[in-house]
Amino acid sequence: MSVIELRAGTRIWLAAGVTDMRRGFHGLSAQVQTVLNEQPYSGHVFVFRGRRGDIIKCLWFDGDGLCLFAKRLERGRFVWPKADSGTVSLSRAQLSMLLEGIDWRRPERTFEVPAAV
């Protein structure tokens, strides 16, 4: 059973750069509006990473209220874009890889897709 069920058309946005992980609902919502130029109540998922890179927070409006999820890796760092500002859009599969500490930027298939002739 899935705890988070994203509706069709839901976008997933990484906030490039470093975010102060002391921020909660209000601070991250303000960052979504002022820095990312998006609406925190849009139903999209906004993902933020701290300076050390071992903690991320996800802000998401599920239709009833804002949800704030946090994850800390015990080993390793979350892979993040090199840019200092702006956003990067992820697919659901890339978000799953990110949350597991996998490099979502260059996933490799375990097989080659045959060319259509």
C-alpha atoms as a PDB file:
ATOM      1  CA  MET A   1       0.000   0.000   0.000  1.00  0.00           C
ATOM      2  CA  SER A   2       1.331   3.427  -0.925  1.00  0.00           C
ATOM      3  CA  VAL A   3       1.419   6.146   1.717  1.00  0.00           C
ATOM      4  CA  ILE A   4       1.841   8.938  -0.824  1.00  0.00           C
ATOM      5  CA  GLU A   5      -0.335   8.706  -3.884  1.00  0.00           C
ATOM      6  CA  LEU A   6       0.553  11.379  -6.390  1.00  0.00           C
ATOM      7  CA  ARG A   7      -2.169  12.386  -8.801  1.00  0.00           C
ATOM      8  CA  ALA A   8      -1.637  12.322 -12.563  1.00  0.00           C
ATOM      9  CA  GLY A   9       0.057  15.515 -13.672  1.00  0.00           C
ATOM     10  CA  THR A  10       1.888  16.020 -10.367  1.00  0.00           C
ATOM     11  CA  ARG A  11       5.321  17.535 -10.954  1.00  0.00           C
ATOM     12  CA  ILE A  12       8.311  16.888  -8.719  1.00  0.00           C
ATOM     13  CA  TRP A  13      10.678  19.831  -8.286  1.00  0.00           C
ATOM     14  CA  LEU A  14      14.140  19.852  -6.734  1.00  0.00           C
ATOM     15  CA  ALA A  15      15.136  23.221  -5.337  1.00  0.00           C
ATOM     16  CA  ALA A  16      18.719  23.633  -6.564  1.00  0.00           C
ATOM     17  CA  GLY A  17      21.257  24.958  -4.106  1.00  0.00           C
ATOM     18  CA  VAL A  18      21.311  24.630  -0.339  1.00  0.00           C
ATOM     19  CA  THR A  19      18.297  25.035   1.945  1.00  0.00           C
ATOM     20  CA  ASP A  20      18.335  25.727   5.665  1.00  0.00           C
ATOM     21  CA  MET A  21      16.992  22.451   7.078  1.00  0.00           C
ATOM     22  CA  ARG A  22      15.697  24.241  10.178  1.00  0.00           C
ATOM     23  CA  ARG A  23      12.844  25.533   8.006  1.00  0.00           C
ATOM     24  CA  GLY A  24       9.444  23.992   8.441  1.00  0.00           C
ATOM     25  CA  PHE A  25       6.071  24.395   6.739  1.00  0.00           C
ATOM     26  CA  HIS A  26       6.066  28.193   6.676  1.00  0.00           C
ATOM     27  CA  GLY A  27       9.694  28.727   5.683  1.00  0.00           C
ATOM     28  CA  LEU A  28       9.672  26.129   2.906  1.00  0.00           C
ATOM     29  CA  SER A  29       6.288  27.353   1.605  1.00  0.00           C
ATOM     30  CA  ALA A  30       7.707  30.868   1.427  1.00  0.00           C
ATOM     31  CA  GLN A  31      10.744  29.563  -0.450  1.00  0.00           C
ATOM     32  CA  VAL A  32       8.491  27.772  -2.937  1.00  0.00           C
ATOM     33  CA  GLN A  33       6.643  31.043  -3.607  1.00  0.00           C
ATOM     34  CA  THR A  34       9.475  33.571  -3.598  1.00  0.00           C
ATOM     35  CA  VAL A  35      12.477  31.624  -4.901  1.00  0.00           C
ATOM     36  CA  LEU A  36      10.906  28.918  -7.068  1.00  0.00           C
ATOM     37  CA  ASN A  37       7.950  31.048  -8.241  1.00  0.00           C
ATOM     38  CA  GLU A  38       5.533  28.162  -7.648  1.00  0.00           C
ATOM     39  CA  GLN A  39       2.491  27.663  -5.433  1.00  0.00           C
ATOM     40  CA  PRO A  40       2.986  25.363  -2.416  1.00  0.00           C
ATOM     41  CA  TYR A  41      -0.711  24.359  -2.552  1.00  0.00           C
ATOM     42  CA  SER A  42      -0.514  23.266  -6.216  1.00  0.00           C
ATOM     43  CA  GLY A  43      -0.250  19.561  -5.362  1.00  0.00           C
ATOM     44  CA  HIS A  44       3.279  19.378  -6.761  1.00  0.00           C
ATOM     45  CA  VAL A  45       6.142  17.959  -4.693  1.00  0.00           C
ATOM     46  CA  PHE A  46       9.016  20.265  -3.727  1.00  0.00           C
ATOM     47  CA  VAL A  47      12.272  18.695  -2.540  1.00  0.00           C
ATOM     48  CA  PHE A  48      14.991  20.537  -0.597  1.00  0.00           C
ATOM     49  CA  ARG A  49      18.482  19.469   0.506  1.00  0.00           C
ATOM     50  CA  GLY A  50      20.658  20.730   3.332  1.00  0.00           C
ATOM     51  CA  ARG A  51      24.301  21.805   3.167  1.00  0.00           C
ATOM     52  CA  ARG A  52      25.783  18.470   4.315  1.00  0.00           C
ATOM     53  CA  GLY A  53      23.680  16.595   1.775  1.00  0.00           C
ATOM     54  CA  ASP A  54      22.520  13.832   4.079  1.00  0.00           C
ATOM     55  CA  ILE A  55      19.053  15.297   4.761  1.00  0.00           C
ATOM     56  CA  ILE A  56      16.235  16.151   2.385  1.00  0.00           C
ATOM     57  CA  LYS A  57      12.740  17.503   3.009  1.00  0.00           C
ATOM     58  CA  CYS A  58       9.733  17.140   0.717  1.00  0.00           C
ATOM     59  CA  LEU A  59       6.811  19.581   0.860  1.00  0.00           C
ATOM     60  CA  TRP A  60       3.532  18.414  -0.693  1.00  0.00           C
ATOM     61  CA  PHE A  61      -0.121  19.453  -0.549  1.00  0.00           C
ATOM     62  CA  ASP A  62      -2.347  16.352  -0.606  1.00  0.00           C
ATOM     63  CA  GLY A  63      -5.647  18.194  -0.992  1.00  0.00           C
ATOM     64  CA  ASP A  64      -6.359  18.345   2.746  1.00  0.00           C
ATOM     65  CA  GLY A  65      -3.197  19.995   4.063  1.00  0.00           C
ATOM     66  CA  LEU A  66       0.514  20.452   3.639  1.00  0.00           C
ATOM     67  CA  CYS A  67       2.701  17.430   4.292  1.00  0.00           C
ATOM     68  CA  LEU A  68       6.359  17.728   5.234  1.00  0.00           C
ATOM     69  CA  PHE A  69       8.504  14.631   4.920  1.00  0.00           C
ATOM     70  CA  ALA A  70      12.148  14.385   5.927  1.00  0.00           C
ATOM     71  CA  LYS A  71      14.764  11.703   5.307  1.00  0.00           C
ATOM     72  CA  ARG A  72      18.318  11.390   6.583  1.00  0.00           C
ATOM     73  CA  LEU A  73      20.765   8.954   5.035  1.00  0.00           C
ATOM     74  CA  GLU A  74      22.876   7.111   7.578  1.00  0.00           C
ATOM     75  CA  ARG A  75      25.635   6.688   4.970  1.00  0.00           C
ATOM     76  CA  GLY A  76      26.312   8.662   1.810  1.00  0.00           C
ATOM     77  CA  ARG A  77      24.752  11.833   0.401  1.00  0.00           C
ATOM     78  CA  PHE A  78      21.730  12.668  -1.714  1.00  0.00           C
ATOM     79  CA  VAL A  79      22.748  13.402  -5.314  1.00  0.00           C
ATOM     80  CA  TRP A  80      21.895  17.020  -6.116  1.00  0.00           C
ATOM     81  CA  PRO A  81      22.206  19.322  -9.151  1.00  0.00           C
ATOM     82  CA  LYS A  82      25.348  21.479  -9.315  1.00  0.00           C
ATOM     83  CA  ALA A  83      23.328  24.683  -9.941  1.00  0.00           C
ATOM     84  CA  ASP A  84      23.066  27.234  -7.121  1.00  0.00           C
ATOM     85  CA  SER A  85      19.500  28.310  -7.925  1.00  0.00           C
ATOM     86  CA  GLY A  86      16.421  27.332  -9.890  1.00  0.00           C
ATOM     87  CA  THR A  87      14.622  24.019 -10.108  1.00  0.00           C
ATOM     88  CA  VAL A  88      15.065  20.625 -11.684  1.00  0.00           C
ATOM     89  CA  SER A  89      12.065  18.483 -12.598  1.00  0.00           C
ATOM     90  CA  LEU A  90      12.176  14.773 -11.736  1.00  0.00           C
ATOM     91  CA  SER A  91      10.072  11.801 -12.758  1.00  0.00           C
ATOM     92  CA  ARG A  92       8.539   9.552 -10.105  1.00  0.00           C
ATOM     93  CA  ALA A  93      11.186   6.930 -10.840  1.00  0.00           C
ATOM     94  CA  GLN A  94      13.958   9.498 -10.354  1.00  0.00           C
ATOM     95  CA  LEU A  95      12.399  10.592  -7.049  1.00  0.00           C
ATOM     96  CA  SER A  96      12.392   6.968  -5.890  1.00  0.00           C
ATOM     97  CA  MET A  97      16.076   6.654  -6.771  1.00  0.00           C
ATOM     98  CA  LEU A  98      16.889   9.943  -5.029  1.00  0.00           C
ATOM     99  CA  LEU A  99      15.135   8.822  -1.837  1.00  0.00           C
ATOM    100  CA  GLU A 100      17.201   5.614  -1.843  1.00  0.00           C
ATOM    101  CA  GLY A 101      20.484   7.502  -2.259  1.00  0.00           C
ATOM    102  CA  ILE A 102      20.932   6.368  -5.877  1.00  0.00           C
ATOM    103  CA  ASP A 103      22.353   8.687  -8.553  1.00  0.00           C
ATOM    104  CA  TRP A 104      19.137   9.539 -10.424  1.00  0.00           C
ATOM    105  CA  ARG A 105      20.932  11.610 -13.091  1.00  0.00           C
ATOM    106  CA  ARG A 106      22.401   8.719 -15.067  1.00  0.00           C
ATOM    107  CA  PRO A 107      20.476   5.531 -14.413  1.00  0.00           C
ATOM    108  CA  GLU A 108      21.693   2.676 -16.555  1.00  0.00           C
ATOM    109  CA  ARG A 109      19.597  -0.127 -17.965  1.00  0.00           C
ATOM    110  CA  THR A 110      20.707  -3.661 -17.266  1.00  0.00           C
ATOM    111  CA  PHE A 111      20.003  -4.592 -20.869  1.00  0.00           C
ATOM    112  CA  GLU A 112      20.220  -2.987 -24.303  1.00  0.00           C
ATOM    113  CA  VAL A 113      17.018  -2.110 -26.100  1.00  0.00           C
ATOM    114  CA  PRO A 114      17.076  -3.728 -29.564  1.00  0.00           C
ATOM    115  CA  ALA A 115      16.940  -1.284 -32.444  1.00  0.00           C
ATOM    116  CA  ALA A 116      13.764  -1.338 -34.526  1.00  0.00           C
ATOM    117  CA  VAL A 117      14.488  -2.211 -38.133  1.00  0.00           C
END
